[in-house]
C-alpha atoms as a PDB file:
ATOM      1  CA  MET A   1     127.452 100.198 100.609  1.00  0.00           C
ATOM      2  CA  LYS A   2     127.156 102.864  97.783  1.00  0.00           C
ATOM      3  CA  LYS A   3     124.298 102.731  95.499  1.00  0.00           C
ATOM      4  CA  THR A   4     123.806 105.411  92.522  1.00  0.00           C
ATOM      5  CA  LEU A   5     120.546 105.637  90.989  1.00  0.00           C
ATOM      6  CA  THR A   6     120.362 108.340  87.901  1.00  0.00           C
ATOM      7  CA  LEU A   7     117.343 109.414  86.835  1.00  0.00           C
ATOM      8  CA  LEU A   8     116.201 111.722  83.967  1.00  0.00           C
ATOM      9  CA  LEU A   9     113.622 114.376  85.358  1.00  0.00           C
ATOM     10  CA  ALA A  10     111.684 116.940  82.849  1.00  0.00           C
ATOM     11  CA  LEU A  11     113.685 119.046  80.496  1.00  0.00           C
ATOM     12  CA  VAL A  12     117.929 119.065  82.102  1.00  0.00           C
ATOM     13  CA  LEU A  13     117.876 117.615  85.238  1.00  0.00           C
ATOM     14  CA  THR A  14     120.091 114.953  86.688  1.00  0.00           C
ATOM     15  CA  LEU A  15     118.897 113.243  90.293  1.00  0.00           C
ATOM     16  CA  SER A  16     121.790 111.315  91.704  1.00  0.00           C
ATOM     17  CA  LEU A  17     121.300 109.307  95.042  1.00  0.00           C
ATOM     18  CA  THR A  18     124.345 108.108  96.983  1.00  0.00           C
ATOM     19  CA  ALA A  19     123.719 106.695 100.672  1.00  0.00           C
ATOM     20  CA  CYS A  20     126.654 107.021 102.440  1.00  0.00           C
ATOM     21  CA  GLY A  21     126.719 105.540 105.773  1.00  0.00           C
ATOM     22  CA  ASN A  22     125.266 107.761 108.429  1.00  0.00           C
ATOM     23  CA  ASP A  23     126.484 111.338 107.098  1.00  0.00           C
ATOM     24  CA  PRO A  24     123.145 113.220 106.780  1.00  0.00           C
ATOM     25  CA  ALA A  25     125.071 115.576 104.450  1.00  0.00           C
ATOM     26  CA  SER A  26     125.629 112.945 101.799  1.00  0.00           C
ATOM     27  CA  ASP A  27     122.119 110.935 102.013  1.00  0.00           C
ATOM     28  CA  ILE A  28     121.021 112.508  98.930  1.00  0.00           C
ATOM     29  CA  LEU A  29     123.125 114.326  96.120  1.00  0.00           C
ATOM     30  CA  TRP A  30     120.740 116.536  93.485  1.00  0.00           C
ATOM     31  CA  GLU A  31     122.001 118.145  90.556  1.00  0.00           C
ATOM     32  CA  ALA A  32     119.428 120.658  89.867  1.00  0.00           C
ATOM     33  CA  ASP A  33     118.846 124.024  87.396  1.00  0.00           C
ATOM     34  CA  ASN A  34     120.042 127.422  88.848  1.00  0.00           C
ATOM     35  CA  ASP A  35     116.477 128.464  88.861  1.00  0.00           C
ATOM     36  CA  GLY A  36     115.780 125.951  91.735  1.00  0.00           C
ATOM     37  CA  GLY A  37     113.517 123.078  90.294  1.00  0.00           C
ATOM     38  CA  THR A  38     112.711 122.244  86.458  1.00  0.00           C
ATOM     39  CA  GLU A  39     111.315 125.181  84.302  1.00  0.00           C
ATOM     40  CA  THR A  40     108.556 123.140  82.049  1.00  0.00           C
ATOM     41  CA  GLU A  41     106.352 124.547  79.760  1.00  0.00           C
ATOM     42  CA  THR A  42     103.099 123.556  80.854  1.00  0.00           C
ATOM     43  CA  ALA A  43     100.459 122.489  78.733  1.00  0.00           C
ATOM     44  CA  GLU A  44      98.351 125.553  76.380  1.00  0.00           C
ATOM     45  CA  ASP A  45      94.938 125.579  78.346  1.00  0.00           C
ATOM     46  CA  THR A  46      92.108 128.148  77.936  1.00  0.00           C
ATOM     47  CA  ASP A  47      91.732 127.632  81.629  1.00  0.00           C
ATOM     48  CA  THR A  48      94.946 128.383  82.782  1.00  0.00           C
ATOM     49  CA  GLU A  49      96.052 132.028  84.238  1.00  0.00           C
ATOM     50  CA  ASP A  50      99.636 133.981  83.112  1.00  0.00           C
ATOM     51  CA  ALA A  51     100.349 134.379  86.783  1.00  0.00           C
ATOM     52  CA  SER A  52     103.256 131.230  87.946  1.00  0.00           C
ATOM     53  CA  ALA A  53     104.302 130.432  91.266  1.00  0.00           C
ATOM     54  CA  HIS A  54     106.835 128.151  93.213  1.00  0.00           C
ATOM     55  CA  LEU A  55     104.460 126.760  95.925  1.00  0.00           C
ATOM     56  CA  LEU A  56     107.504 125.386  97.990  1.00  0.00           C
ATOM     57  CA  ASP A  57     109.299 129.137  98.186  1.00  0.00           C
ATOM     58  CA  ASP A  58     107.767 129.737 101.868  1.00  0.00           C
ATOM     59  CA  ALA A  59     108.636 125.769 103.419  1.00  0.00           C
ATOM     60  CA  ASN A  60     111.073 126.432 106.466  1.00  0.00           C
ATOM     61  CA  THR A  61     113.137 123.078 106.100  1.00  0.00           C
ATOM     62  CA  THR A  62     115.206 124.738 109.406  1.00  0.00           C
ATOM     63  CA  SER A  63     112.394 123.624 112.063  1.00  0.00           C
ATOM     64  CA  SER A  64     110.455 120.859 110.361  1.00  0.00           C
ATOM     65  CA  ALA A  65     110.738 117.985 108.435  1.00  0.00           C
ATOM     66  CA  VAL A  66     109.862 117.079 105.307  1.00  0.00           C
ATOM     67  CA  THR A  67     107.080 114.199 104.702  1.00  0.00           C
ATOM     68  CA  LEU A  68     106.038 112.651 101.384  1.00  0.00           C
ATOM     69  CA  TYR A  69     103.006 110.346 100.938  1.00  0.00           C
ATOM     70  CA  TYR A  70     102.250 107.889  97.835  1.00  0.00           C
ATOM     71  CA  PHE A  71      98.771 107.074  97.240  1.00  0.00           C
ATOM     72  CA  ASP A  72      97.985 103.747  95.320  1.00  0.00           C
ATOM     73  CA  GLY A  73      94.333 104.078  95.394  1.00  0.00           C
ATOM     74  CA  GLU A  74      93.784 101.862  98.430  1.00  0.00           C
ATOM     75  CA  THR A  75      96.270 102.727 101.394  1.00  0.00           C
ATOM     76  CA  VAL A  76      98.717 105.856 101.862  1.00  0.00           C
ATOM     77  CA  THR A  77     102.178 105.283 102.692  1.00  0.00           C
ATOM     78  CA  SER A  78     104.361 108.359 103.862  1.00  0.00           C
ATOM     79  CA  ARG A  79     108.178 108.666 104.264  1.00  0.00           C
ATOM     80  CA  THR A  80     109.745 111.297 106.557  1.00  0.00           C
ATOM     81  CA  CYS A  81     113.173 113.154 106.019  1.00  0.00           C
ATOM     82  CA  TYR A  82     114.515 114.954 108.729  1.00  0.00           C
ATOM     83  CA  THR A  83     117.851 115.931 107.651  1.00  0.00           C
ATOM     84  CA  THR A  84     117.636 119.359 106.181  1.00  0.00           C
ATOM     85  CA  ALA A  85     120.237 119.196 103.688  1.00  0.00           C
ATOM     86  CA  THR A  86     118.466 116.587 101.945  1.00  0.00           C
ATOM     87  CA  GLU A  87     115.078 118.428 102.690  1.00  0.00           C
ATOM     88  CA  ASP A  88     116.402 121.129 100.753  1.00  0.00           C
ATOM     89  CA  GLU A  89     117.603 119.042  97.929  1.00  0.00           C
ATOM     90  CA  LEU A  90     114.123 117.502  97.736  1.00  0.00           C
ATOM     91  CA  LEU A  91     112.253 120.434  97.699  1.00  0.00           C
ATOM     92  CA  GLU A  92     114.864 121.936  95.192  1.00  0.00           C
ATOM     93  CA  VAL A  93     113.725 119.364  92.887  1.00  0.00           C
ATOM     94  CA  LEU A  94     109.803 119.670  93.384  1.00  0.00           C
ATOM     95  CA  ASN A  95     110.175 123.519  93.835  1.00  0.00           C
ATOM     96  CA  VAL A  96     108.985 123.700  90.323  1.00  0.00           C
ATOM     97  CA  SER A  97     107.207 126.679  88.551  1.00  0.00           C
ATOM     98  CA  VAL A  98     103.827 126.175  88.292  1.00  0.00           C
ATOM     99  CA  ALA A  99     100.440 128.174  86.892  1.00  0.00           C
ATOM    100  CA  LEU A 100      97.445 128.690  88.365  1.00  0.00           C
ATOM    101  CA  VAL A 101      94.431 126.701  86.688  1.00  0.00           C
ATOM    102  CA  GLU A 102      91.032 127.939  86.834  1.00  0.00           C
ATOM    103  CA  ASP A 103      88.166 125.556  87.796  1.00  0.00           C
ATOM    104  CA  GLY A 104      90.505 122.377  87.986  1.00  0.00           C
ATOM    105  CA  ASP A 105      88.425 119.674  87.463  1.00  0.00           C
ATOM    106  CA  LEU A 106      89.256 117.302  91.125  1.00  0.00           C
ATOM    107  CA  SER A 107      87.099 114.731  89.826  1.00  0.00           C
ATOM    108  CA  ALA A 108      89.564 113.781  87.572  1.00  0.00           C
ATOM    109  CA  TRP A 109      92.272 112.510  89.894  1.00  0.00           C
ATOM    110  CA  GLU A 110      93.104 109.513  89.783  1.00  0.00           C
ATOM    111  CA  ALA A 111      95.695 107.133  91.579  1.00  0.00           C
ATOM    112  CA  PRO A 112      98.452 106.670  92.213  1.00  0.00           C
ATOM    113  CA  CYS A 113      99.337 110.257  93.300  1.00  0.00           C
ATOM    114  CA  TYR A 114     101.588 112.030  96.045  1.00  0.00           C
ATOM    115  CA  GLY A 115     101.386 114.489  98.713  1.00  0.00           C
ATOM    116  CA  LEU A 116     103.613 116.460 100.434  1.00  0.00           C
ATOM    117  CA  TRP A 117     103.797 117.930 103.700  1.00  0.00           C
ATOM    118  CA  THR A 118     106.287 120.360 105.693  1.00  0.00           C
ATOM    119  CA  CYS A 119     105.706 123.728 107.164  1.00  0.00           C
ATOM    120  CA  ASP A 120     105.794 127.419 106.134  1.00  0.00           C
ATOM    121  CA  GLY A 121     108.063 130.013 107.666  1.00  0.00           C
ATOM    122  CA  GLU A 122     105.335 131.161 110.111  1.00  0.00           C
ATOM    123  CA  GLY A 123     105.081 127.408 111.381  1.00  0.00           C
ATOM    124  CA  TYR A 124     102.071 126.490 109.378  1.00  0.00           C
ATOM    125  CA  ASP A 125     101.104 123.595 107.777  1.00  0.00           C
ATOM    126  CA  LEU A 126     102.197 123.453 104.168  1.00  0.00           C
ATOM    127  CA  THR A 127     100.699 120.587 102.116  1.00  0.00           C
ATOM    128  CA  LEU A 128     100.261 120.122  98.587  1.00  0.00           C
ATOM    129  CA  ALA A 129      99.094 117.082  96.533  1.00  0.00           C
ATOM    130  CA  TYR A 130     100.064 116.132  93.278  1.00  0.00           C
ATOM    131  CA  TYR A 131      98.925 113.724  90.396  1.00  0.00           C
ATOM    132  CA  ASP A 132      99.928 113.972  86.481  1.00  0.00           C
ATOM    133  CA  GLY A 133     101.171 117.810  86.413  1.00  0.00           C
ATOM    134  CA  LEU A 134      98.326 119.285  88.569  1.00  0.00           C
ATOM    135  CA  TRP A 135      99.047 120.070  91.992  1.00  0.00           C
ATOM    136  CA  LEU A 136      96.524 121.314  94.617  1.00  0.00           C
ATOM    137  CA  ASP A 137      97.189 123.774  97.167  1.00  0.00           C
ATOM    138  CA  ARG A 138      96.281 123.544 101.401  1.00  0.00           C
ATOM    139  CA  ASP A 139      93.385 126.634  99.973  1.00  0.00           C
ATOM    140  CA  GLY A 140      92.025 124.259  97.086  1.00  0.00           C
ATOM    141  CA  ASN A 141      93.759 125.958  94.366  1.00  0.00           C
ATOM    142  CA  VAL A 142      95.016 123.954  91.638  1.00  0.00           C
ATOM    143  CA  TRP A 143      98.100 124.274  89.589  1.00  0.00           C
ATOM    144  CA  SER A 144      99.711 122.867  86.338  1.00  0.00           C
ATOM    145  CA  GLY A 145     103.671 122.073  86.229  1.00  0.00           C
ATOM    146  CA  GLU A 146     105.592 118.870  85.999  1.00  0.00           C
ATOM    147  CA  ALA A 147     107.444 117.371  88.662  1.00  0.00           C
ATOM    148  CA  ASP A 148     108.821 113.728  89.004  1.00  0.00           C
ATOM    149  CA  PHE A 149     107.573 113.089  92.364  1.00  0.00           C
ATOM    150  CA  ALA A 150     108.265 109.199  91.660  1.00  0.00           C
ATOM    151  CA  ALA A 151     112.121 109.924  91.603  1.00  0.00           C
ATOM    152  CA  CYS A 152     111.601 111.842  95.043  1.00  0.00           C
ATOM    153  CA  TRP A 153     109.660 108.985  96.634  1.00  0.00           C
ATOM    154  CA  GLU A 154     112.145 106.550  95.525  1.00  0.00           C
ATOM    155  CA  ALA A 155     115.298 108.444  96.808  1.00  0.00           C
ATOM    156  CA  LEU A 156     113.435 108.659 100.153  1.00  0.00           C
ATOM    157  CA  GLU A 157     113.480 104.553 100.302  1.00  0.00           C
ATOM    158  CA  GLY A 158     114.604 103.293 103.911  1.00  0.00           C
ATOM    159  CA  GLU A 159     113.417 106.942 105.775  1.00  0.00           C
ATOM    160  CA  ASP A 160     111.005 106.538 108.536  1.00  0.00           C
ATOM    161  CA  GLU A 161     108.092 105.225 106.965  1.00  0.00           C
ATOM    162  CA  ASP A 162     104.388 104.597 107.848  1.00  0.00           C
ATOM    163  CA  GLY A 163     102.546 102.362 105.790  1.00  0.00           C
ATOM    164  CA  THR A 164      99.213 102.294 107.982  1.00  0.00           C
ATOM    165  CA  LEU A 165      97.728 105.116 106.977  1.00  0.00           C
ATOM    166  CA  SER A 166      94.738 105.839 105.014  1.00  0.00           C
ATOM    167  CA  VAL A 167      92.820 108.409 102.458  1.00  0.00           C
ATOM    168  CA  LEU A 168      92.288 110.538 105.556  1.00  0.00           C
ATOM    169  CA  ASN A 169      95.739 111.340 106.428  1.00  0.00           C
ATOM    170  CA  PHE A 170      96.145 111.850 102.202  1.00  0.00           C
ATOM    171  CA  PRO A 171      97.531 115.890 102.139  1.00  0.00           C
ATOM    172  CA  ASN A 172      94.373 118.419 101.041  1.00  0.00           C
ATOM    173  CA  ALA A 173      92.143 115.286 100.639  1.00  0.00           C
ATOM    174  CA  GLY A 174      89.035 117.437 102.113  1.00  0.00           C
ATOM    175  CA  TYR A 175      89.153 119.010  98.946  1.00  0.00           C
ATOM    176  CA  LEU A 176      89.455 115.648  96.747  1.00  0.00           C
ATOM    177  CA  ALA A 177      86.835 113.759  98.912  1.00  0.00           C
ATOM    178  CA  PRO A 178      83.807 115.871  98.027  1.00  0.00           C
ATOM    179  CA  VAL A 179      83.944 115.301  94.147  1.00  0.00           C
ATOM    180  CA  ASN A 180      85.483 112.326  93.777  1.00  0.00           C
ATOM    181  CA  SER A 181      85.013 108.867  95.630  1.00  0.00           C
ATOM    182  CA  LEU A 182      88.463 107.638  95.618  1.00  0.00           C
ATOM    183  CA  PHE A 183      89.233 109.828  98.221  1.00  0.00           C
ATOM    184  CA  LEU A 184      86.615 108.606 100.837  1.00  0.00           C
ATOM    185  CA  ALA A 185      87.218 106.378 103.627  1.00  0.00           C
ATOM    186  CA  ALA A 186      84.668 103.907 104.284  1.00  0.00           C
ATOM    187  CA  SER A 187      83.319 104.675 107.965  1.00  0.00           C
ATOM    188  CA  THR A 188      84.108 102.449 110.689  1.00  0.00           C
ATOM    189  CA  VAL A 189      80.722 103.130 112.867  1.00  0.00           C
ATOM    190  CA  ALA A 190      78.946  99.950 113.790  1.00  0.00           C
ATOM    191  CA  ASP A 191      75.673  99.194 112.086  1.00  0.00           C
ATOM    192  CA  GLU A 192      72.345  98.706 113.084  1.00  0.00           C
ATOM    193  CA  SER A 193      73.971  94.862 113.264  1.00  0.00           C
ATOM    194  CA  GLY A 194      76.824  95.911 114.979  1.00  0.00           C
ATOM    195  CA  ILE A 195      78.053  96.121 118.782  1.00  0.00           C
ATOM    196  CA  SER A 196      77.562  99.876 119.884  1.00  0.00           C
ATOM    197  CA  THR A 197      79.665 100.960 122.864  1.00  0.00           C
ATOM    198  CA  MET A 198      76.410 103.198 124.046  1.00  0.00           C
ATOM    199  CA  PRO A 199      73.332 102.348 125.278  1.00  0.00           C
ATOM    200  CA  LEU A 200      70.826 102.633 122.575  1.00  0.00           C
ATOM    201  CA  GLU A 201      68.939 105.438 125.190  1.00  0.00           C
ATOM    202  CA  MET A 202      72.118 107.656 124.918  1.00  0.00           C
ATOM    203  CA  THR A 203      70.895 109.621 121.632  1.00  0.00           C
ATOM    204  CA  MET A 204      72.235 112.835 119.929  1.00  0.00           C
ATOM    205  CA  THR A 205      70.358 114.950 117.608  1.00  0.00           C
ATOM    206  CA  VAL A 206      71.254 117.789 115.291  1.00  0.00           C
ATOM    207  CA  VAL A 207      68.988 121.003 116.050  1.00  0.00           C
ATOM    208  CA  ASP A 208      70.821 123.888 114.503  1.00  0.00           C
ATOM    209  CA  LEU A 209      73.086 124.900 112.291  1.00  0.00           C
ATOM    210  CA  THR A 210      74.192 128.614 111.849  1.00  0.00           C
ATOM    211  CA  ASP A 211      77.039 129.647 110.107  1.00  0.00           C
ATOM    212  CA  GLY A 212      78.614 126.399 109.382  1.00  0.00           C
ATOM    213  CA  VAL A 213      78.071 125.185 113.416  1.00  0.00           C
ATOM    214  CA  VAL A 214      76.067 122.281 114.420  1.00  0.00           C
ATOM    215  CA  THR A 215      74.250 122.189 117.461  1.00  0.00           C
ATOM    216  CA  VAL A 216      73.495 118.858 118.791  1.00  0.00           C
ATOM    217  CA  LEU A 217      71.056 117.603 121.466  1.00  0.00           C
ATOM    218  CA  ILE A 218      72.675 114.524 123.445  1.00  0.00           C
ATOM    219  CA  ASP A 219      69.723 112.893 125.268  1.00  0.00           C
ATOM    220  CA  ASN A 220      70.990 110.263 128.071  1.00  0.00           C
ATOM    221  CA  GLN A 221      68.251 107.835 129.043  1.00  0.00           C
ATOM    222  CA  SER A 222      70.407 105.337 129.729  1.00  0.00           C
ATOM    223  CA  GLY A 223      70.021 104.840 133.725  1.00  0.00           C
ATOM    224  CA  TYR A 224      73.627 105.606 134.032  1.00  0.00           C
ATOM    225  CA  GLU A 225      75.916 108.207 134.648  1.00  0.00           C
ATOM    226  CA  MET A 226      77.453 108.775 130.856  1.00  0.00           C
ATOM    227  CA  GLU A 227      80.910 110.239 129.411  1.00  0.00           C
ATOM    228  CA  TYR A 228      81.497 111.701 126.152  1.00  0.00           C
ATOM    229  CA  GLY A 229      84.250 114.323 124.726  1.00  0.00           C
ATOM    230  CA  GLU A 230      84.572 117.048 121.980  1.00  0.00           C
ATOM    231  CA  TYR A 231      86.287 115.127 119.172  1.00  0.00           C
ATOM    232  CA  PHE A 232      83.754 114.483 116.475  1.00  0.00           C
ATOM    233  CA  SER A 233      83.800 113.326 112.640  1.00  0.00           C
ATOM    234  CA  LEU A 234      81.602 114.418 109.561  1.00  0.00           C
ATOM    235  CA  GLU A 235      80.395 111.482 107.529  1.00  0.00           C
ATOM    236  CA  MET A 236      78.179 111.505 104.062  1.00  0.00           C
ATOM    237  CA  GLU A 237      75.885 108.874 102.285  1.00  0.00           C
ATOM    238  CA  GLN A 238      76.626 107.993  99.064  1.00  0.00           C
ATOM    239  CA  ASP A 239      74.693 105.337  97.235  1.00  0.00           C
ATOM    240  CA  GLY A 240      73.414 103.666 100.866  1.00  0.00           C
ATOM    241  CA  GLU A 241      76.933 103.547 102.276  1.00  0.00           C
ATOM    242  CA  TRP A 242      78.547 105.990 105.031  1.00  0.00           C
ATOM    243  CA  TYR A 243      82.069 107.448 104.020  1.00  0.00           C
ATOM    244  CA  VAL A 244      84.372 109.699 106.739  1.00  0.00           C
ATOM    245  CA  LEU A 245      85.176 113.195 105.120  1.00  0.00           C
ATOM    246  CA  PRO A 246      88.497 114.295 105.944  1.00  0.00           C
ATOM    247  CA  PRO A 247      88.552 118.017 106.851  1.00  0.00           C
ATOM    248  CA  GLN A 248      89.766 121.242 104.566  1.00  0.00           C
ATOM    249  CA  GLY A 249      91.283 122.612 107.127  1.00  0.00           C
ATOM    250  CA  THR A 250      92.889 121.610 110.856  1.00  0.00           C
ATOM    251  CA  LEU A 251      90.543 120.454 113.193  1.00  0.00           C
ATOM    252  CA  GLU A 252      91.688 120.503 117.264  1.00  0.00           C
ATOM    253  CA  PHE A 253      90.267 119.401 120.000  1.00  0.00           C
ATOM    254  CA  ASN A 254      90.444 119.672 124.202  1.00  0.00           C
ATOM    255  CA  SER A 255      91.182 116.014 125.405  1.00  0.00           C
ATOM    256  CA  ILE A 256      88.209 116.581 128.079  1.00  0.00           C
ATOM    257  CA  ALA A 257      85.503 114.005 129.377  1.00  0.00           C
ATOM    258  CA  TYR A 258      82.005 115.701 130.129  1.00  0.00           C
ATOM    259  CA  ILE A 259      79.590 113.836 132.580  1.00  0.00           C
ATOM    260  CA  LEU A 260      75.716 113.802 131.537  1.00  0.00           C
ATOM    261  CA  GLN A 261      73.781 112.266 134.219  1.00  0.00           C
ATOM    262  CA  ASP A 262      71.113 110.189 133.584  1.00  0.00           C
ATOM    263  CA  MET A 263      67.741 111.660 132.715  1.00  0.00           C
ATOM    264  CA  GLU A 264      69.717 114.802 131.566  1.00  0.00           C
ATOM    265  CA  GLN A 265      70.076 116.454 128.379  1.00  0.00           C
ATOM    266  CA  ALA A 266      73.283 118.780 127.279  1.00  0.00           C
ATOM    267  CA  GLU A 267      73.783 121.082 123.701  1.00  0.00           C
ATOM    268  CA  GLU A 268      77.158 120.773 121.942  1.00  0.00           C
ATOM    269  CA  THR A 269      78.449 122.505 119.289  1.00  0.00           C
ATOM    270  CA  CYS A 270      80.321 121.185 116.093  1.00  0.00           C
ATOM    271  CA  ASP A 271      82.413 123.384 113.895  1.00  0.00           C
ATOM    272  CA  LEU A 272      81.960 122.279 110.591  1.00  0.00           C
ATOM    273  CA  THR A 273      83.451 125.377 108.681  1.00  0.00           C
ATOM    274  CA  ALA A 274      87.180 123.207 108.433  1.00  0.00           C
ATOM    275  CA  TYR A 275      85.290 121.116 106.083  1.00  0.00           C
ATOM    276  CA  GLY A 276      84.510 124.115 103.814  1.00  0.00           C
ATOM    277  CA  ASP A 277      81.174 124.579 101.669  1.00  0.00           C
ATOM    278  CA  LEU A 278      79.710 120.869 101.659  1.00  0.00           C
ATOM    279  CA  GLU A 279      77.115 120.434  98.857  1.00  0.00           C
ATOM    280  CA  ALA A 280      73.571 119.099  99.241  1.00  0.00           C
ATOM    281  CA  GLY A 281      73.085 115.608 100.350  1.00  0.00           C
ATOM    282  CA  HIS A 282      72.733 113.441 103.656  1.00  0.00           C
ATOM    283  CA  TYR A 283      75.036 114.156 106.110  1.00  0.00           C
ATOM    284  CA  ARG A 284      76.012 112.813 110.109  1.00  0.00           C
ATOM    285  CA  ILE A 285      77.867 113.714 113.119  1.00  0.00           C
ATOM    286  CA  VAL A 286      79.777 110.779 114.479  1.00  0.00           C
ATOM    287  CA  LYS A 287      80.978 111.253 118.334  1.00  0.00           C
ATOM    288  CA  ASP A 288      81.657 108.364 120.701  1.00  0.00           C
ATOM    289  CA  ASP A 289      79.363 106.115 118.575  1.00  0.00           C
ATOM    290  CA  MET A 290      76.448 108.304 118.625  1.00  0.00           C
ATOM    291  CA  THR A 291      75.419 109.457 115.375  1.00  0.00           C
ATOM    292  CA  ALA A 292      73.152 112.608 114.377  1.00  0.00           C
ATOM    293  CA  GLU A 293      71.629 112.390 110.731  1.00  0.00           C
ATOM    294  CA  PHE A 294      70.648 115.564 108.681  1.00  0.00           C
ATOM    295  CA  TRP A 295      70.224 116.875 105.272  1.00  0.00           C
ATOM    296  CA  LEU A 296      71.455 120.104 103.432  1.00  0.00           C
ATOM    297  CA  ASP A 297      69.420 122.050 100.616  1.00  0.00           C
ATOM    298  CA  GLU A 298      71.669 123.890  97.656  1.00  0.00           C
ATOM    299  CA  ASN A 299      71.932 126.516  99.791  1.00  0.00           C
ATOM    300  CA  GLY A 300      73.797 124.752 102.854  1.00  0.00           C
ATOM    301  CA  ALA A 301      70.726 124.968 104.914  1.00  0.00           C
ATOM    302  CA  LEU A 302      69.388 122.505 106.983  1.00  0.00           C
ATOM    303  CA  THR A 303      66.321 120.671 105.149  1.00  0.00           C
ATOM    304  CA  ASP A 304      63.744 117.870 105.694  1.00  0.00           C
ATOM    305  CA  ALA A 305      64.912 113.865 105.165  1.00  0.00           C
ATOM    306  CA  GLY A 306      65.157 113.252 101.435  1.00  0.00           C
END
């Protein structure tokens, strides 16, 4: 069965989508300009610099898949392509010329919006978020340049799709969440009326914060030998509700269980530098169903409650 879809992209760009059996080279046929992508004029803005770039120049499709994300305001869906020829055609369409925007307002982002993940030539994650002509890169920079993500998303219909994701999986959500509640995920930690897997006598307390690294004290007064791991998450409180913060960088944890005997204490560290510069507010570390609350002042230092 052959299906052809023709779309008009910004300026002159024709997209032809053809599904031809299992022939990888003919999954999608794109006709783009010779410059790779669509050259668009960005809106005049006093906050926009003259410098332009192509954010996908460093993408390496030879050894990496390409995943597109769609966030409708509630759920995140991804579609992943593993065929190099199709990946190259997708990136050729999306690798438009963009201009750096100073002081980009991330609070103005809305849904629906799109994201992209692949790897660069050195094997590092190359992540981008896109909304209404604005791009957010993995370093938190905002760029301006129109691209037809909707057409590319439709072109990947039928590819490897995952509809079980949350906003925590959306590319570069760590930069959006602190300033835009749309990108906050509700905490799943049981409240005081819920059921906890940890005994009430197993507690965790923040005792220090230095150079972005939190030290917590875990105290086992449960009457039993207890275990805990390295994994933790960071949550922030807004209007009496707790929300999970996505990190701006990569968090890596060793899969290991630590044993804590009854009536013993242990100090562990939680590196928060992957979350960037945290604003003043009320936070908590979550580890193995234990929580440790703390407050930060305007300088990012520990302060008393409230």
